[in-house]
Amino acid sequence: LPPGEAFVFPQALTHFQRNVGKGPAFDIAALNSKNPGTQLLLNAVLGSNPKIPVEVVAKALQADNNVVTQLQSKFK
């Protein structure tokens, strides 16, 4: 999205954000629902289809790329 734009995620949709620019990014996230949905986070992150890039998951989990690849292989 261009700078200053907003995106609304549907209820219970797991999402990730990645700064593909060269400079720092600023993000404001707000969650609100009277009846929130549930989703198993490990299935959503490690077993997603299409897969979330290994380097993104590794950075978020503060883990090695090889560990993430091994974990993702268990969710096929």
PDB file of N, CA and C in Angstrom:
ATOM      1  N   LEU A   1       0.831  -1.179   0.000  1.00  0.00           N
ATOM      2  CA  LEU A   1       0.000   0.000   0.000  1.00  0.00           C
ATOM      3  C   LEU A   1       0.878   1.246   0.000  1.00  0.00           C
ATOM      4  N   PRO A   2       0.442   2.278  -0.646  1.00  0.00           N
ATOM      5  CA  PRO A   2       1.194   3.534  -0.609  1.00  0.00           C
ATOM      6  C   PRO A   2       1.208   4.122   0.806  1.00  0.00           C
ATOM      7  N   PRO A   3       2.194   4.939   1.125  1.00  0.00           N
ATOM      8  CA  PRO A   3       2.253   5.551   2.463  1.00  0.00           C
ATOM      9  C   PRO A   3       0.954   6.283   2.799  1.00  0.00           C
ATOM     10  N   GLY A   4       0.510   6.144   4.027  1.00  0.00           N
ATOM     11  CA  GLY A   4      -0.688   6.834   4.477  1.00  0.00           C
ATOM     12  C   GLY A   4      -1.981   6.101   4.190  1.00  0.00           C
ATOM     13  N   GLU A   5      -1.935   4.942   3.559  1.00  0.00           N
ATOM     14  CA  GLU A   5      -3.137   4.181   3.232  1.00  0.00           C
ATOM     15  C   GLU A   5      -3.473   3.217   4.365  1.00  0.00           C
ATOM     16  N   ALA A   6      -4.706   2.763   4.408  1.00  0.00           N
ATOM     17  CA  ALA A   6      -5.151   1.822   5.438  1.00  0.00           C
ATOM     18  C   ALA A   6      -5.730   0.579   4.775  1.00  0.00           C
ATOM     19  N   PHE A   7      -5.649  -0.526   5.477  1.00  0.00           N
ATOM     20  CA  PHE A   7      -6.204  -1.790   4.992  1.00  0.00           C
ATOM     21  C   PHE A   7      -6.940  -2.448   6.139  1.00  0.00           C
ATOM     22  N   VAL A   8      -8.133  -2.943   5.888  1.00  0.00           N
ATOM     23  CA  VAL A   8      -8.932  -3.603   6.915  1.00  0.00           C
ATOM     24  C   VAL A   8      -8.882  -5.100   6.658  1.00  0.00           C
ATOM     25  N   PHE A   9      -8.519  -5.860   7.681  1.00  0.00           N
ATOM     26  CA  PHE A   9      -8.453  -7.315   7.578  1.00  0.00           C
ATOM     27  C   PHE A   9      -9.772  -7.903   8.046  1.00  0.00           C
ATOM     28  N   PRO A  10     -10.311  -8.877   7.320  1.00  0.00           N
ATOM     29  CA  PRO A  10     -11.539  -9.528   7.768  1.00  0.00           C
ATOM     30  C   PRO A  10     -11.344 -10.204   9.123  1.00  0.00           C
ATOM     31  N   GLN A  11     -12.421 -10.388   9.845  1.00  0.00           N
ATOM     32  CA  GLN A  11     -12.391 -10.983  11.173  1.00  0.00           C
ATOM     33  C   GLN A  11     -11.727 -12.356  11.133  1.00  0.00           C
ATOM     34  N   ALA A  12     -10.857 -12.609  12.095  1.00  0.00           N
ATOM     35  CA  ALA A  12     -10.165 -13.884  12.295  1.00  0.00           C
ATOM     36  C   ALA A  12      -9.151 -14.218  11.210  1.00  0.00           C
ATOM     37  N   LEU A  13      -8.787 -13.256  10.386  1.00  0.00           N
ATOM     38  CA  LEU A  13      -7.790 -13.506   9.354  1.00  0.00           C
ATOM     39  C   LEU A  13      -6.406 -13.173   9.904  1.00  0.00           C
ATOM     40  N   THR A  14      -5.564 -14.173  10.027  1.00  0.00           N
ATOM     41  CA  THR A  14      -4.193 -13.941  10.466  1.00  0.00           C
ATOM     42  C   THR A  14      -3.445 -13.261   9.331  1.00  0.00           C
ATOM     43  N   HIS A  15      -2.654 -12.272   9.671  1.00  0.00           N
ATOM     44  CA  HIS A  15      -1.920 -11.549   8.635  1.00  0.00           C
ATOM     45  C   HIS A  15      -0.534 -11.208   9.151  1.00  0.00           C
ATOM     46  N   PHE A  16       0.337 -10.846   8.238  1.00  0.00           N
ATOM     47  CA  PHE A  16       1.660 -10.386   8.626  1.00  0.00           C
ATOM     48  C   PHE A  16       1.983  -9.152   7.803  1.00  0.00           C
ATOM     49  N   GLN A  17       2.900  -8.373   8.307  1.00  0.00           N
ATOM     50  CA  GLN A  17       3.322  -7.163   7.616  1.00  0.00           C
ATOM     51  C   GLN A  17       4.819  -7.208   7.445  1.00  0.00           C
ATOM     52  N   ARG A  18       5.281  -6.730   6.308  1.00  0.00           N
ATOM     53  CA  ARG A  18       6.705  -6.739   6.014  1.00  0.00           C
ATOM     54  C   ARG A  18       7.070  -5.411   5.368  1.00  0.00           C
ATOM     55  N   ASN A  19       8.075  -4.791   5.908  1.00  0.00           N
ATOM     56  CA  ASN A  19       8.567  -3.535   5.347  1.00  0.00           C
ATOM     57  C   ASN A  19       9.546  -3.872   4.223  1.00  0.00           C
ATOM     58  N   VAL A  20       9.170  -3.603   2.996  1.00  0.00           N
ATOM     59  CA  VAL A  20      10.045  -3.891   1.862  1.00  0.00           C
ATOM     60  C   VAL A  20      10.832  -2.655   1.441  1.00  0.00           C
ATOM     61  N   GLY A  21      10.639  -1.542   2.147  1.00  0.00           N
ATOM     62  CA  GLY A  21      11.378  -0.323   1.857  1.00  0.00           C
ATOM     63  C   GLY A  21      12.756  -0.340   2.487  1.00  0.00           C
ATOM     64  N   LYS A  22      13.529   0.688   2.200  1.00  0.00           N
ATOM     65  CA  LYS A  22      14.887   0.774   2.741  1.00  0.00           C
ATOM     66  C   LYS A  22      14.930   1.515   4.068  1.00  0.00           C
ATOM     67  N   GLY A  23      13.907   2.292   4.376  1.00  0.00           N
ATOM     68  CA  GLY A  23      13.890   3.050   5.619  1.00  0.00           C
ATOM     69  C   GLY A  23      12.962   2.431   6.644  1.00  0.00           C
ATOM     70  N   PRO A  24      12.908   3.030   7.828  1.00  0.00           N
ATOM     71  CA  PRO A  24      12.022   2.503   8.867  1.00  0.00           C
ATOM     72  C   PRO A  24      10.555   2.706   8.489  1.00  0.00           C
ATOM     73  N   ALA A  25       9.690   1.865   9.035  1.00  0.00           N
ATOM     74  CA  ALA A  25       8.255   1.964   8.781  1.00  0.00           C
ATOM     75  C   ALA A  25       7.528   2.161  10.099  1.00  0.00           C
ATOM     76  N   PHE A  26       6.361   2.729  10.033  1.00  0.00           N
ATOM     77  CA  PHE A  26       5.535   2.963  11.213  1.00  0.00           C
ATOM     78  C   PHE A  26       4.184   2.316  10.964  1.00  0.00           C
ATOM     79  N   ASP A  27       3.694   1.602  11.956  1.00  0.00           N
ATOM     80  CA  ASP A  27       2.440   0.877  11.795  1.00  0.00           C
ATOM     81  C   ASP A  27       1.598   1.040  13.043  1.00  0.00           C
ATOM     82  N   ILE A  28       0.319   1.232  12.841  1.00  0.00           N
ATOM     83  CA  ILE A  28      -0.625   1.249  13.953  1.00  0.00           C
ATOM     84  C   ILE A  28      -1.613   0.122  13.702  1.00  0.00           C
ATOM     85  N   ALA A  29      -1.723  -0.792  14.650  1.00  0.00           N
ATOM     86  CA  ALA A  29      -2.665  -1.900  14.521  1.00  0.00           C
ATOM     87  C   ALA A  29      -3.698  -1.802  15.630  1.00  0.00           C
ATOM     88  N   ALA A  30      -4.944  -1.957  15.280  1.00  0.00           N
ATOM     89  CA  ALA A  30      -6.017  -1.921  16.267  1.00  0.00           C
ATOM     90  C   ALA A  30      -6.953  -3.092  16.015  1.00  0.00           C
ATOM     91  N   LEU A  31      -7.272  -3.820  17.073  1.00  0.00           N
ATOM     92  CA  LEU A  31      -8.170  -4.961  16.967  1.00  0.00           C
ATOM     93  C   LEU A  31      -9.363  -4.717  17.869  1.00  0.00           C
ATOM     94  N   ASN A  32     -10.547  -4.958  17.328  1.00  0.00           N
ATOM     95  CA  ASN A  32     -11.736  -4.749  18.132  1.00  0.00           C
ATOM     96  C   ASN A  32     -12.858  -5.607  17.568  1.00  0.00           C
ATOM     97  N   SER A  33     -13.513  -6.317  18.431  1.00  0.00           N
ATOM     98  CA  SER A  33     -14.649  -7.117  18.015  1.00  0.00           C
ATOM     99  C   SER A  33     -15.435  -7.536  19.245  1.00  0.00           C
ATOM    100  N   LYS A  34     -16.759  -7.503  19.144  1.00  0.00           N
ATOM    101  CA  LYS A  34     -17.583  -7.994  20.247  1.00  0.00           C
ATOM    102  C   LYS A  34     -17.578  -9.516  20.275  1.00  0.00           C
ATOM    103  N   ASN A  35     -17.313 -10.132  19.127  1.00  0.00           N
ATOM    104  CA  ASN A  35     -17.351 -11.582  19.029  1.00  0.00           C
ATOM    105  C   ASN A  35     -16.164 -12.049  18.184  1.00  0.00           C
ATOM    106  N   PRO A  36     -14.946 -11.994  18.718  1.00  0.00           N
ATOM    107  CA  PRO A  36     -13.769 -12.300  17.901  1.00  0.00           C
ATOM    108  C   PRO A  36     -13.726 -13.770  17.482  1.00  0.00           C
ATOM    109  N   GLY A  37     -13.206 -14.008  16.302  1.00  0.00           N
ATOM    110  CA  GLY A  37     -13.028 -15.373  15.826  1.00  0.00           C
ATOM    111  C   GLY A  37     -11.754 -15.964  16.400  1.00  0.00           C
ATOM    112  N   THR A  38     -11.617 -17.263  16.312  1.00  0.00           N
ATOM    113  CA  THR A  38     -10.404 -17.911  16.791  1.00  0.00           C
ATOM    114  C   THR A  38      -9.750 -18.646  15.642  1.00  0.00           C
ATOM    115  N   GLN A  39      -8.459 -18.701  15.700  1.00  0.00           N
ATOM    116  CA  GLN A  39      -7.695 -19.396  14.679  1.00  0.00           C
ATOM    117  C   GLN A  39      -6.423 -19.907  15.344  1.00  0.00           C
ATOM    118  N   LEU A  40      -6.056 -21.147  15.075  1.00  0.00           N
ATOM    119  CA  LEU A  40      -4.837 -21.683  15.648  1.00  0.00           C
ATOM    120  C   LEU A  40      -3.645 -21.000  14.977  1.00  0.00           C
ATOM    121  N   LEU A  41      -2.879 -20.286  15.764  1.00  0.00           N
ATOM    122  CA  LEU A  41      -1.810 -19.465  15.217  1.00  0.00           C
ATOM    123  C   LEU A  41      -0.726 -20.293  14.536  1.00  0.00           C
ATOM    124  N   LEU A  42      -0.333 -21.424  15.131  1.00  0.00           N
ATOM    125  CA  LEU A  42       0.702 -22.233  14.503  1.00  0.00           C
ATOM    126  C   LEU A  42       0.262 -22.749  13.146  1.00  0.00           C
ATOM    127  N   ASN A  43      -0.987 -23.201  13.040  1.00  0.00           N
ATOM    128  CA  ASN A  43      -1.484 -23.645  11.738  1.00  0.00           C
ATOM    129  C   ASN A  43      -1.510 -22.498  10.740  1.00  0.00           C
ATOM    130  N   ALA A  44      -1.888 -21.312  11.189  1.00  0.00           N
ATOM    131  CA  ALA A  44      -1.986 -20.160  10.298  1.00  0.00           C
ATOM    132  C   ALA A  44      -0.616 -19.668   9.847  1.00  0.00           C
ATOM    133  N   VAL A  45       0.368 -19.716  10.725  1.00  0.00           N
ATOM    134  CA  VAL A  45       1.691 -19.184  10.394  1.00  0.00           C
ATOM    135  C   VAL A  45       2.562 -20.234   9.702  1.00  0.00           C
ATOM    136  N   LEU A  46       2.618 -21.426  10.253  1.00  0.00           N
ATOM    137  CA  LEU A  46       3.513 -22.450   9.711  1.00  0.00           C
ATOM    138  C   LEU A  46       2.862 -23.312   8.637  1.00  0.00           C
ATOM    139  N   GLY A  47       1.536 -23.401   8.631  1.00  0.00           N
ATOM    140  CA  GLY A  47       0.864 -24.253   7.662  1.00  0.00           C
ATOM    141  C   GLY A  47       0.048 -23.499   6.638  1.00  0.00           C
ATOM    142  N   SER A  48       0.305 -22.198   6.479  1.00  0.00           N
ATOM    143  CA  SER A  48      -0.485 -21.397   5.548  1.00  0.00           C
ATOM    144  C   SER A  48      -0.253 -21.823   4.103  1.00  0.00           C
ATOM    145  N   ASN A  49      -1.238 -21.558   3.274  1.00  0.00           N
ATOM    146  CA  ASN A  49      -1.136 -21.843   1.842  1.00  0.00           C
ATOM    147  C   ASN A  49      -1.729 -20.663   1.087  1.00  0.00           C
ATOM    148  N   PRO A  50      -0.924 -19.863   0.398  1.00  0.00           N
ATOM    149  CA  PRO A  50       0.511 -20.018   0.153  1.00  0.00           C
ATOM    150  C   PRO A  50       1.317 -19.745   1.422  1.00  0.00           C
ATOM    151  N   LYS A  51       2.530 -20.290   1.437  1.00  0.00           N
ATOM    152  CA  LYS A  51       3.390 -20.167   2.614  1.00  0.00           C
ATOM    153  C   LYS A  51       3.856 -18.723   2.817  1.00  0.00           C
ATOM    154  N   ILE A  52       3.958 -18.350   4.081  1.00  0.00           N
ATOM    155  CA  ILE A  52       4.595 -17.078   4.425  1.00  0.00           C
ATOM    156  C   ILE A  52       6.089 -17.295   4.228  1.00  0.00           C
ATOM    157  N   PRO A  53       6.800 -16.359   3.594  1.00  0.00           N
ATOM    158  CA  PRO A  53       8.230 -16.561   3.347  1.00  0.00           C
ATOM    159  C   PRO A  53       8.999 -16.922   4.622  1.00  0.00           C
ATOM    160  N   VAL A  54       9.917 -17.880   4.486  1.00  0.00           N
ATOM    161  CA  VAL A  54      10.685 -18.398   5.619  1.00  0.00           C
ATOM    162  C   VAL A  54      11.383 -17.276   6.374  1.00  0.00           C
ATOM    163  N   GLU A  55      11.982 -16.335   5.651  1.00  0.00           N
ATOM    164  CA  GLU A  55      12.731 -15.270   6.330  1.00  0.00           C
ATOM    165  C   GLU A  55      11.816 -14.374   7.161  1.00  0.00           C
ATOM    166  N   VAL A  56      10.563 -14.216   6.748  1.00  0.00           N
ATOM    167  CA  VAL A  56       9.610 -13.405   7.519  1.00  0.00           C
ATOM    168  C   VAL A  56       9.232 -14.122   8.813  1.00  0.00           C
ATOM    169  N   VAL A  57       8.926 -15.413   8.707  1.00  0.00           N
ATOM    170  CA  VAL A  57       8.559 -16.197   9.894  1.00  0.00           C
ATOM    171  C   VAL A  57       9.752 -16.303  10.844  1.00  0.00           C
ATOM    172  N   ALA A  58      10.941 -16.525  10.287  1.00  0.00           N
ATOM    173  CA  ALA A  58      12.142 -16.648  11.118  1.00  0.00           C
ATOM    174  C   ALA A  58      12.394 -15.367  11.908  1.00  0.00           C
ATOM    175  N   LYS A  59      12.210 -14.234  11.255  1.00  0.00           N
ATOM    176  CA  LYS A  59      12.426 -12.964  11.947  1.00  0.00           C
ATOM    177  C   LYS A  59      11.367 -12.748  13.033  1.00  0.00           C
ATOM    178  N   ALA A  60      10.113 -13.089  12.730  1.00  0.00           N
ATOM    179  CA  ALA A  60       9.034 -12.908  13.702  1.00  0.00           C
ATOM    180  C   ALA A  60       9.199 -13.824  14.908  1.00  0.00           C
ATOM    181  N   LEU A  61       9.645 -15.060  14.670  1.00  0.00           N
ATOM    182  CA  LEU A  61       9.821 -16.016  15.758  1.00  0.00           C
ATOM    183  C   LEU A  61      11.217 -15.960  16.376  1.00  0.00           C
ATOM    184  N   GLN A  62      12.077 -15.120  15.817  1.00  0.00           N
ATOM    185  CA  GLN A  62      13.467 -15.009  16.251  1.00  0.00           C
ATOM    186  C   GLN A  62      14.121 -16.384  16.234  1.00  0.00           C
ATOM    187  N   ALA A  63      13.981 -17.055  15.095  1.00  0.00           N
ATOM    188  CA  ALA A  63      14.518 -18.399  14.928  1.00  0.00           C
ATOM    189  C   ALA A  63      15.353 -18.458  13.655  1.00  0.00           C
ATOM    190  N   ASP A  64      16.123 -19.504  13.521  1.00  0.00           N
ATOM    191  CA  ASP A  64      16.938 -19.741  12.336  1.00  0.00           C
ATOM    192  C   ASP A  64      16.045 -20.175  11.173  1.00  0.00           C
ATOM    193  N   ASN A  65      16.426 -19.807   9.950  1.00  0.00           N
ATOM    194  CA  ASN A  65      15.650 -20.190   8.766  1.00  0.00           C
ATOM    195  C   ASN A  65      15.481 -21.704   8.666  1.00  0.00           C
ATOM    196  N   ASN A  66      16.526 -22.465   9.020  1.00  0.00           N
ATOM    197  CA  ASN A  66      16.448 -23.931   8.941  1.00  0.00           C
ATOM    198  C   ASN A  66      15.419 -24.494   9.920  1.00  0.00           C
ATOM    199  N   VAL A  67      15.315 -23.883  11.081  1.00  0.00           N
ATOM    200  CA  VAL A  67      14.326 -24.325  12.075  1.00  0.00           C
ATOM    201  C   VAL A  67      12.917 -24.077  11.542  1.00  0.00           C
ATOM    202  N   VAL A  68      12.704 -22.912  10.943  1.00  0.00           N
ATOM    203  CA  VAL A  68      11.384 -22.580  10.394  1.00  0.00           C
ATOM    204  C   VAL A  68      11.030 -23.522   9.250  1.00  0.00           C
ATOM    205  N   THR A  69      11.980 -23.800   8.383  1.00  0.00           N
ATOM    206  CA  THR A  69      11.741 -24.729   7.280  1.00  0.00           C
ATOM    207  C   THR A  69      11.355 -26.106   7.809  1.00  0.00           C
ATOM    208  N   GLN A  70      12.043 -26.550   8.841  1.00  0.00           N
ATOM    209  CA  GLN A  70      11.737 -27.849   9.446  1.00  0.00           C
ATOM    210  C   GLN A  70      10.324 -27.841  10.050  1.00  0.00           C
ATOM    211  N   LEU A  71       9.973 -26.772  10.741  1.00  0.00           N
ATOM    212  CA  LEU A  71       8.647 -26.681  11.338  1.00  0.00           C
ATOM    213  C   LEU A  71       7.560 -26.624  10.270  1.00  0.00           C
ATOM    214  N   GLN A  72       7.795 -25.854   9.203  1.00  0.00           N
ATOM    215  CA  GLN A  72       6.795 -25.748   8.128  1.00  0.00           C
ATOM    216  C   GLN A  72       6.570 -27.105   7.453  1.00  0.00           C
ATOM    217  N   SER A  73       7.590 -27.931   7.384  1.00  0.00           N
ATOM    218  CA  SER A  73       7.454 -29.235   6.725  1.00  0.00           C
ATOM    219  C   SER A  73       6.498 -30.153   7.494  1.00  0.00           C
ATOM    220  N   LYS A  74       6.296 -29.911   8.777  1.00  0.00           N
ATOM    221  CA  LYS A  74       5.414 -30.752   9.586  1.00  0.00           C
ATOM    222  C   LYS A  74       3.938 -30.368   9.408  1.00  0.00           C
ATOM    223  N   PHE A  75       3.661 -29.266   8.716  1.00  0.00           N
ATOM    224  CA  PHE A  75       2.297 -28.781   8.550  1.00  0.00           C
ATOM    225  C   PHE A  75       1.782 -28.964   7.129  1.00  0.00           C
ATOM    226  N   LYS A  76       2.306 -29.920   6.378  1.00  0.00           N
ATOM    227  CA  LYS A  76       1.864 -30.124   4.993  1.00  0.00           C
ATOM    228  C   LYS A  76       0.537 -30.785   4.930  1.00  0.00           C
TER     229      LYS A  76
END
